Amino acid sequence: MITAIVMIDAATDQIPEVAEAVAALENVSEVYSVAGAVDLIAVVRVREFEQIADVIAGRINKVPGVLETDTHIAFRAYSRHDLEAAFAIGFDSAD
């Protein structure tokens, strides 16, 4: 699975509507409203690199109220939750 993190600048008066529209798109797993340099961050998950252009340029950028996007492709995921699960293999949770 290929993960792309998409920073989205949205029209200020349309942020909730843009977030809901982007979240409804196929291959978009999550959308966060954030503080900082961008308005929204979307997490896109696809099986093939070619699909990234379809999702971002073909769908996200066409949502009314999306002004600009900046996409980052994830190489590797690091998660405390995943690490704890891996190290807990073979241990009883009651320990």
C-alpha atoms as a PDB file:
ATOM      1  CA  MET A   1       0.000   0.000   0.000  1.00  0.00           C
ATOM      2  CA  ILE A   2       1.325   3.442  -0.944  1.00  0.00           C
ATOM      3  CA  THR A   3       0.511   6.340   1.361  1.00  0.00           C
ATOM      4  CA  ALA A   4       0.477   9.982   0.338  1.00  0.00           C
ATOM      5  CA  ILE A   5       0.038  12.854   2.771  1.00  0.00           C
ATOM      6  CA  VAL A   6      -1.677  15.762   1.045  1.00  0.00           C
ATOM      7  CA  MET A   7      -1.546  19.268   2.505  1.00  0.00           C
ATOM      8  CA  ILE A   8      -4.551  21.248   1.298  1.00  0.00           C
ATOM      9  CA  ASP A   9      -5.093  25.007   1.221  1.00  0.00           C
ATOM     10  CA  ALA A  10      -8.819  25.671   1.115  1.00  0.00           C
ATOM     11  CA  ALA A  11     -11.038  28.709   0.799  1.00  0.00           C
ATOM     12  CA  THR A  12     -11.432  29.915   4.393  1.00  0.00           C
ATOM     13  CA  ASP A  13     -15.211  30.032   4.283  1.00  0.00           C
ATOM     14  CA  GLN A  14     -15.439  26.495   2.833  1.00  0.00           C
ATOM     15  CA  ILE A  15     -13.046  24.466   5.002  1.00  0.00           C
ATOM     16  CA  PRO A  16     -15.684  22.156   6.570  1.00  0.00           C
ATOM     17  CA  GLU A  17     -17.346  21.515   3.192  1.00  0.00           C
ATOM     18  CA  VAL A  18     -13.991  20.875   1.494  1.00  0.00           C
ATOM     19  CA  ALA A  19     -12.971  18.483   4.287  1.00  0.00           C
ATOM     20  CA  GLU A  20     -16.207  16.504   3.971  1.00  0.00           C
ATOM     21  CA  ALA A  21     -15.986  16.360   0.163  1.00  0.00           C
ATOM     22  CA  VAL A  22     -12.356  15.205   0.227  1.00  0.00           C
ATOM     23  CA  ALA A  23     -13.084  12.627   2.956  1.00  0.00           C
ATOM     24  CA  ALA A  24     -15.835  11.154   0.772  1.00  0.00           C
ATOM     25  CA  LEU A  25     -13.430  10.465  -2.110  1.00  0.00           C
ATOM     26  CA  GLU A  26     -12.307   6.930  -2.835  1.00  0.00           C
ATOM     27  CA  ASN A  27      -8.780   6.179  -1.534  1.00  0.00           C
ATOM     28  CA  VAL A  28      -8.884   9.032   0.985  1.00  0.00           C
ATOM     29  CA  SER A  29      -8.689   7.361   4.388  1.00  0.00           C
ATOM     30  CA  GLU A  30      -8.644  10.431   6.647  1.00  0.00           C
ATOM     31  CA  VAL A  31      -8.881  14.214   6.524  1.00  0.00           C
ATOM     32  CA  TYR A  32      -7.712  16.433   9.381  1.00  0.00           C
ATOM     33  CA  SER A  33      -8.490  20.094   9.944  1.00  0.00           C
ATOM     34  CA  VAL A  34      -5.232  21.550  11.259  1.00  0.00           C
ATOM     35  CA  ALA A  35      -3.633  24.740  12.504  1.00  0.00           C
ATOM     36  CA  GLY A  36      -0.563  26.052  10.723  1.00  0.00           C
ATOM     37  CA  ALA A  37       0.461  26.753   7.154  1.00  0.00           C
ATOM     38  CA  VAL A  38      -2.283  24.589   5.607  1.00  0.00           C
ATOM     39  CA  ASP A  39      -5.968  24.129   6.338  1.00  0.00           C
ATOM     40  CA  LEU A  40      -6.407  20.392   5.857  1.00  0.00           C
ATOM     41  CA  ILE A  41      -4.273  17.271   5.708  1.00  0.00           C
ATOM     42  CA  ALA A  42      -5.581  14.253   3.823  1.00  0.00           C
ATOM     43  CA  VAL A  43      -4.160  10.742   3.957  1.00  0.00           C
ATOM     44  CA  VAL A  44      -4.437   8.928   0.634  1.00  0.00           C
ATOM     45  CA  ARG A  45      -3.795   5.200   0.316  1.00  0.00           C
ATOM     46  CA  VAL A  46      -3.482   3.485  -3.068  1.00  0.00           C
ATOM     47  CA  ARG A  47      -2.073   0.225  -4.409  1.00  0.00           C
ATOM     48  CA  GLU A  48      -0.076   1.678  -7.333  1.00  0.00           C
ATOM     49  CA  PHE A  49       1.846   4.925  -7.830  1.00  0.00           C
ATOM     50  CA  GLU A  50      -0.151   5.733 -10.957  1.00  0.00           C
ATOM     51  CA  GLN A  51      -3.292   6.021  -8.818  1.00  0.00           C
ATOM     52  CA  ILE A  52      -1.829   8.926  -6.834  1.00  0.00           C
ATOM     53  CA  ALA A  53      -2.231  11.297  -9.785  1.00  0.00           C
ATOM     54  CA  ASP A  54      -5.801  10.098 -10.322  1.00  0.00           C
ATOM     55  CA  VAL A  55      -6.754  10.732  -6.713  1.00  0.00           C
ATOM     56  CA  ILE A  56      -4.921  14.016  -6.149  1.00  0.00           C
ATOM     57  CA  ALA A  57      -4.851  15.784  -9.516  1.00  0.00           C
ATOM     58  CA  GLY A  58      -7.975  14.077 -10.794  1.00  0.00           C
ATOM     59  CA  ARG A  59     -10.234  14.341  -7.748  1.00  0.00           C
ATOM     60  CA  ILE A  60      -8.908  16.287  -4.740  1.00  0.00           C
ATOM     61  CA  ASN A  61      -7.759  19.286  -6.803  1.00  0.00           C
ATOM     62  CA  LYS A  62     -11.187  19.422  -8.458  1.00  0.00           C
ATOM     63  CA  VAL A  63     -13.137  19.723  -5.201  1.00  0.00           C
ATOM     64  CA  PRO A  64     -14.720  23.198  -5.070  1.00  0.00           C
ATOM     65  CA  GLY A  65     -12.846  25.307  -2.524  1.00  0.00           C
ATOM     66  CA  VAL A  66      -9.475  23.530  -2.890  1.00  0.00           C
ATOM     67  CA  LEU A  67      -6.975  26.264  -3.720  1.00  0.00           C
ATOM     68  CA  GLU A  68      -3.679  24.356  -3.675  1.00  0.00           C
ATOM     69  CA  THR A  69      -2.214  20.999  -2.650  1.00  0.00           C
ATOM     70  CA  ASP A  70       1.254  19.834  -1.642  1.00  0.00           C
ATOM     71  CA  THR A  71       1.799  16.076  -1.706  1.00  0.00           C
ATOM     72  CA  HIS A  72       4.314  13.993   0.229  1.00  0.00           C
ATOM     73  CA  ILE A  73       4.832  10.286  -0.481  1.00  0.00           C
ATOM     74  CA  ALA A  74       5.550   8.130   2.568  1.00  0.00           C
ATOM     75  CA  PHE A  75       8.509   5.772   2.279  1.00  0.00           C
ATOM     76  CA  ARG A  76       8.114   3.952   5.578  1.00  0.00           C
ATOM     77  CA  ALA A  77       5.697   4.083   8.506  1.00  0.00           C
ATOM     78  CA  TYR A  78       6.860   4.289  12.089  1.00  0.00           C
ATOM     79  CA  SER A  79       4.233   3.831  14.745  1.00  0.00           C
ATOM     80  CA  ARG A  80       4.580   3.369  18.479  1.00  0.00           C
ATOM     81  CA  HIS A  81       1.441   1.218  18.406  1.00  0.00           C
ATOM     82  CA  ASP A  82       2.949  -1.116  15.799  1.00  0.00           C
ATOM     83  CA  LEU A  83       6.268  -1.338  17.674  1.00  0.00           C
ATOM     84  CA  GLU A  84       4.551  -2.188  20.949  1.00  0.00           C
ATOM     85  CA  ALA A  85       2.519  -4.923  19.234  1.00  0.00           C
ATOM     86  CA  ALA A  86       5.646  -6.414  17.642  1.00  0.00           C
ATOM     87  CA  PHE A  87       7.556  -6.543  20.926  1.00  0.00           C
ATOM     88  CA  ALA A  88       4.560  -7.995  22.764  1.00  0.00           C
ATOM     89  CA  ILE A  89       4.439 -11.142  20.615  1.00  0.00           C
ATOM     90  CA  GLY A  90       4.462 -14.212  22.847  1.00  0.00           C
ATOM     91  CA  PHE A  91       3.694 -12.273  26.017  1.00  0.00           C
ATOM     92  CA  ASP A  92       0.415 -12.592  27.846  1.00  0.00           C
ATOM     93  CA  SER A  93      -1.322  -9.230  28.287  1.00  0.00           C
ATOM     94  CA  ALA A  94      -1.809 -10.048  31.994  1.00  0.00           C
ATOM     95  CA  ASP A  95       1.966  -9.861  32.620  1.00  0.00           C
END
